[in-house]
């Protein structure tokens, strides 16, 4: 399967990302940009978006981007810095960018933004299996 088509296949099989309302905006080998809108059921007790929401969006962008190289890949280490609080109705975009790709691991930086404002910074390391996506 062509690398840029893999994220669309992954999204079609990902009920959680579909529930979040994630859409793919752009995708190329080693990079993927996804977006979603914060909904009321995503808010915590302080009426702000639960941290897991921006984490999930970033993690999805990461997963899609690392698989564009054609081999099944899974996260082995991730972390996030929450910089700004998010509210209902906020439209957020996560862009995953390849920083380093080796035979068995890939390192990515994912920026989550609301407009031009950086709201979270996610770092991810993925293990690349030998299994290739179907041609």
C-alpha atoms as a PDB file:
ATOM      1  CA  UNK A   1       0.000   0.000   0.000  1.00  0.00           C
ATOM      2  CA  UNK A   2       1.307   3.453  -0.871  1.00  0.00           C
ATOM      3  CA  UNK A   3       2.557   5.161   2.301  1.00  0.00           C
ATOM      4  CA  UNK A   4       0.311   8.209   2.078  1.00  0.00           C
ATOM      5  CA  UNK A   5      -2.791   5.974   1.882  1.00  0.00           C
ATOM      6  CA  UNK A   6      -1.935   4.058   5.065  1.00  0.00           C
ATOM      7  CA  UNK A   7      -3.252   6.717   7.509  1.00  0.00           C
ATOM      8  CA  UNK A   8      -6.642   6.696   5.758  1.00  0.00           C
ATOM      9  CA  UNK A   9      -6.771   2.903   6.111  1.00  0.00           C
ATOM     10  CA  UNK A  10      -5.747   3.194   9.769  1.00  0.00           C
ATOM     11  CA  UNK A  11      -8.435   5.831  10.461  1.00  0.00           C
ATOM     12  CA  UNK A  12     -11.103   3.653   8.828  1.00  0.00           C
ATOM     13  CA  UNK A  13     -10.264   0.911  11.366  1.00  0.00           C
ATOM     14  CA  UNK A  14      -9.874   3.211  14.412  1.00  0.00           C
ATOM     15  CA  UNK A  15     -13.185   3.594  16.266  1.00  0.00           C
ATOM     16  CA  UNK A  16     -11.648   5.802  18.981  1.00  0.00           C
ATOM     17  CA  UNK A  17     -10.184   8.337  16.551  1.00  0.00           C
ATOM     18  CA  UNK A  18     -13.488   8.339  14.691  1.00  0.00           C
ATOM     19  CA  UNK A  19     -15.326   9.029  17.981  1.00  0.00           C
ATOM     20  CA  UNK A  20     -12.942  11.928  18.603  1.00  0.00           C
ATOM     21  CA  UNK A  21     -13.906  13.311  15.190  1.00  0.00           C
ATOM     22  CA  UNK A  22     -10.345  13.295  13.879  1.00  0.00           C
ATOM     23  CA  UNK A  23      -9.878  14.211  10.244  1.00  0.00           C
ATOM     24  CA  UNK A  24      -6.714  13.904   8.184  1.00  0.00           C
ATOM     25  CA  UNK A  25      -5.694  17.263   6.709  1.00  0.00           C
ATOM     26  CA  UNK A  26      -2.383  16.374   5.069  1.00  0.00           C
ATOM     27  CA  UNK A  27      -0.214  13.338   4.782  1.00  0.00           C
ATOM     28  CA  UNK A  28       3.119  12.550   3.178  1.00  0.00           C
ATOM     29  CA  UNK A  29       5.897  10.102   3.946  1.00  0.00           C
ATOM     30  CA  UNK A  30       7.144  10.855   7.477  1.00  0.00           C
ATOM     31  CA  UNK A  31       4.571  13.574   8.195  1.00  0.00           C
ATOM     32  CA  UNK A  32       0.880  13.737   8.989  1.00  0.00           C
ATOM     33  CA  UNK A  33      -1.437  16.574  10.028  1.00  0.00           C
ATOM     34  CA  UNK A  34      -4.772  15.799  11.722  1.00  0.00           C
ATOM     35  CA  UNK A  35      -7.431  17.938  13.375  1.00  0.00           C
ATOM     36  CA  UNK A  36     -10.537  17.828  15.566  1.00  0.00           C
ATOM     37  CA  UNK A  37     -12.946  20.044  17.515  1.00  0.00           C
ATOM     38  CA  UNK A  38     -13.262  19.849  21.312  1.00  0.00           C
ATOM     39  CA  UNK A  39     -16.777  18.708  22.331  1.00  0.00           C
ATOM     40  CA  UNK A  40     -18.613  19.067  25.659  1.00  0.00           C
ATOM     41  CA  UNK A  41     -18.178  15.371  26.541  1.00  0.00           C
ATOM     42  CA  UNK A  42     -14.394  15.873  26.315  1.00  0.00           C
ATOM     43  CA  UNK A  43     -14.294  18.395  29.193  1.00  0.00           C
ATOM     44  CA  UNK A  44     -12.993  17.712  32.695  1.00  0.00           C
ATOM     45  CA  UNK A  45     -14.305  18.941  36.072  1.00  0.00           C
ATOM     46  CA  UNK A  46     -12.747  22.389  35.463  1.00  0.00           C
ATOM     47  CA  UNK A  47     -14.658  22.779  32.182  1.00  0.00           C
ATOM     48  CA  UNK A  48     -11.434  22.464  30.177  1.00  0.00           C
ATOM     49  CA  UNK A  49     -10.544  19.728  27.703  1.00  0.00           C
ATOM     50  CA  UNK A  50      -9.218  16.643  29.458  1.00  0.00           C
ATOM     51  CA  UNK A  51      -5.464  16.320  28.853  1.00  0.00           C
ATOM     52  CA  UNK A  52      -6.078  12.940  27.272  1.00  0.00           C
ATOM     53  CA  UNK A  53      -7.867  14.623  24.372  1.00  0.00           C
ATOM     54  CA  UNK A  54      -4.894  16.612  23.065  1.00  0.00           C
ATOM     55  CA  UNK A  55      -2.688  13.614  23.892  1.00  0.00           C
ATOM     56  CA  UNK A  56      -4.935  11.350  21.812  1.00  0.00           C
ATOM     57  CA  UNK A  57      -4.923  13.714  18.844  1.00  0.00           C
ATOM     58  CA  UNK A  58      -1.115  13.960  18.958  1.00  0.00           C
ATOM     59  CA  UNK A  59      -0.762  10.203  19.399  1.00  0.00           C
ATOM     60  CA  UNK A  60      -2.968   9.607  16.363  1.00  0.00           C
ATOM     61  CA  UNK A  61      -0.905  11.993  14.222  1.00  0.00           C
ATOM     62  CA  UNK A  62       2.231  10.218  15.462  1.00  0.00           C
ATOM     63  CA  UNK A  63       0.862   6.752  14.697  1.00  0.00           C
ATOM     64  CA  UNK A  64      -0.262   7.746  11.234  1.00  0.00           C
ATOM     65  CA  UNK A  65       3.036   9.456  10.371  1.00  0.00           C
ATOM     66  CA  UNK A  66       5.303   6.629  11.516  1.00  0.00           C
ATOM     67  CA  UNK A  67       3.324   4.089   9.487  1.00  0.00           C
ATOM     68  CA  UNK A  68       3.645   6.098   6.242  1.00  0.00           C
ATOM     69  CA  UNK A  69       7.037   4.483   5.781  1.00  0.00           C
ATOM     70  CA  UNK A  70       5.239   1.270   4.863  1.00  0.00           C
ATOM     71  CA  UNK A  71       6.014  -0.931   7.868  1.00  0.00           C
ATOM     72  CA  UNK A  72       3.737  -1.577  10.829  1.00  0.00           C
ATOM     73  CA  UNK A  73       4.983   0.570  13.697  1.00  0.00           C
ATOM     74  CA  UNK A  74       3.864   0.944  17.311  1.00  0.00           C
ATOM     75  CA  UNK A  75       4.734   3.495  19.988  1.00  0.00           C
ATOM     76  CA  UNK A  76       7.239   2.457  22.634  1.00  0.00           C
ATOM     77  CA  UNK A  77       7.717   5.794  24.380  1.00  0.00           C
ATOM     78  CA  UNK A  78       5.666   8.983  24.350  1.00  0.00           C
ATOM     79  CA  UNK A  79       5.416  12.151  26.403  1.00  0.00           C
ATOM     80  CA  UNK A  80       3.504  15.403  26.237  1.00  0.00           C
ATOM     81  CA  UNK A  81       3.816  18.914  27.585  1.00  0.00           C
ATOM     82  CA  UNK A  82       0.464  20.687  27.986  1.00  0.00           C
ATOM     83  CA  UNK A  83       1.074  24.390  27.383  1.00  0.00           C
ATOM     84  CA  UNK A  84      -2.407  25.949  27.065  1.00  0.00           C
ATOM     85  CA  UNK A  85      -5.827  24.866  28.330  1.00  0.00           C
ATOM     86  CA  UNK A  86      -8.444  23.982  25.713  1.00  0.00           C
ATOM     87  CA  UNK A  87     -12.158  24.696  25.768  1.00  0.00           C
ATOM     88  CA  UNK A  88     -15.299  23.409  24.139  1.00  0.00           C
ATOM     89  CA  UNK A  89     -15.413  24.464  20.493  1.00  0.00           C
ATOM     90  CA  UNK A  90     -11.644  24.823  20.114  1.00  0.00           C
ATOM     91  CA  UNK A  91     -10.393  23.435  16.803  1.00  0.00           C
ATOM     92  CA  UNK A  92      -6.971  21.878  17.280  1.00  0.00           C
ATOM     93  CA  UNK A  93      -4.451  20.598  14.753  1.00  0.00           C
ATOM     94  CA  UNK A  94      -1.635  18.132  15.429  1.00  0.00           C
ATOM     95  CA  UNK A  95       1.265  17.837  13.010  1.00  0.00           C
ATOM     96  CA  UNK A  96       3.667  14.926  13.355  1.00  0.00           C
ATOM     97  CA  UNK A  97       7.097  15.385  11.808  1.00  0.00           C
ATOM     98  CA  UNK A  98       9.831  12.801  11.434  1.00  0.00           C
ATOM     99  CA  UNK A  99      13.019  13.778  13.245  1.00  0.00           C
ATOM    100  CA  UNK A 100      15.020  10.547  12.902  1.00  0.00           C
ATOM    101  CA  UNK A 101      14.276   7.221  11.247  1.00  0.00           C
ATOM    102  CA  UNK A 102      16.386   4.120  11.823  1.00  0.00           C
ATOM    103  CA  UNK A 103      15.784   0.531  10.800  1.00  0.00           C
ATOM    104  CA  UNK A 104      13.924  -0.367  13.998  1.00  0.00           C
ATOM    105  CA  UNK A 105      12.911   2.972  15.549  1.00  0.00           C
ATOM    106  CA  UNK A 106      11.524   6.329  14.499  1.00  0.00           C
ATOM    107  CA  UNK A 107      11.557   9.548  16.538  1.00  0.00           C
ATOM    108  CA  UNK A 108       8.852  12.163  15.933  1.00  0.00           C
ATOM    109  CA  UNK A 109       7.895  15.597  17.256  1.00  0.00           C
ATOM    110  CA  UNK A 110       4.204  16.462  17.244  1.00  0.00           C
ATOM    111  CA  UNK A 111       3.013  20.038  17.692  1.00  0.00           C
ATOM    112  CA  UNK A 112      -0.604  20.596  18.714  1.00  0.00           C
ATOM    113  CA  UNK A 113      -1.909  24.056  17.856  1.00  0.00           C
ATOM    114  CA  UNK A 114      -5.062  26.118  18.215  1.00  0.00           C
ATOM    115  CA  UNK A 115      -4.684  28.513  15.310  1.00  0.00           C
ATOM    116  CA  UNK A 116      -1.095  29.712  15.510  1.00  0.00           C
ATOM    117  CA  UNK A 117      -0.829  29.052  19.267  1.00  0.00           C
ATOM    118  CA  UNK A 118       1.146  26.019  20.413  1.00  0.00           C
ATOM    119  CA  UNK A 119      -1.041  24.265  23.023  1.00  0.00           C
ATOM    120  CA  UNK A 120       0.900  21.001  23.476  1.00  0.00           C
ATOM    121  CA  UNK A 121       4.204  19.428  22.482  1.00  0.00           C
ATOM    122  CA  UNK A 122       4.337  15.647  22.117  1.00  0.00           C
ATOM    123  CA  UNK A 123       7.412  13.492  21.577  1.00  0.00           C
ATOM    124  CA  UNK A 124       7.192   9.914  20.352  1.00  0.00           C
ATOM    125  CA  UNK A 125       9.444   6.967  19.675  1.00  0.00           C
ATOM    126  CA  UNK A 126       8.057   4.093  17.614  1.00  0.00           C
ATOM    127  CA  UNK A 127       9.244   0.558  17.057  1.00  0.00           C
ATOM    128  CA  UNK A 128       9.116  -0.429  13.384  1.00  0.00           C
ATOM    129  CA  UNK A 129       8.231  -4.078  12.824  1.00  0.00           C
ATOM    130  CA  UNK A 130       9.311  -6.019   9.781  1.00  0.00           C
ATOM    131  CA  UNK A 131       5.685  -6.502   8.696  1.00  0.00           C
ATOM    132  CA  UNK A 132       4.766  -4.344   5.730  1.00  0.00           C
ATOM    133  CA  UNK A 133       1.386  -2.818   4.983  1.00  0.00           C
ATOM    134  CA  UNK A 134      -0.398  -4.649   2.154  1.00  0.00           C
ATOM    135  CA  UNK A 135       0.604  -3.502  -1.294  1.00  0.00           C
END
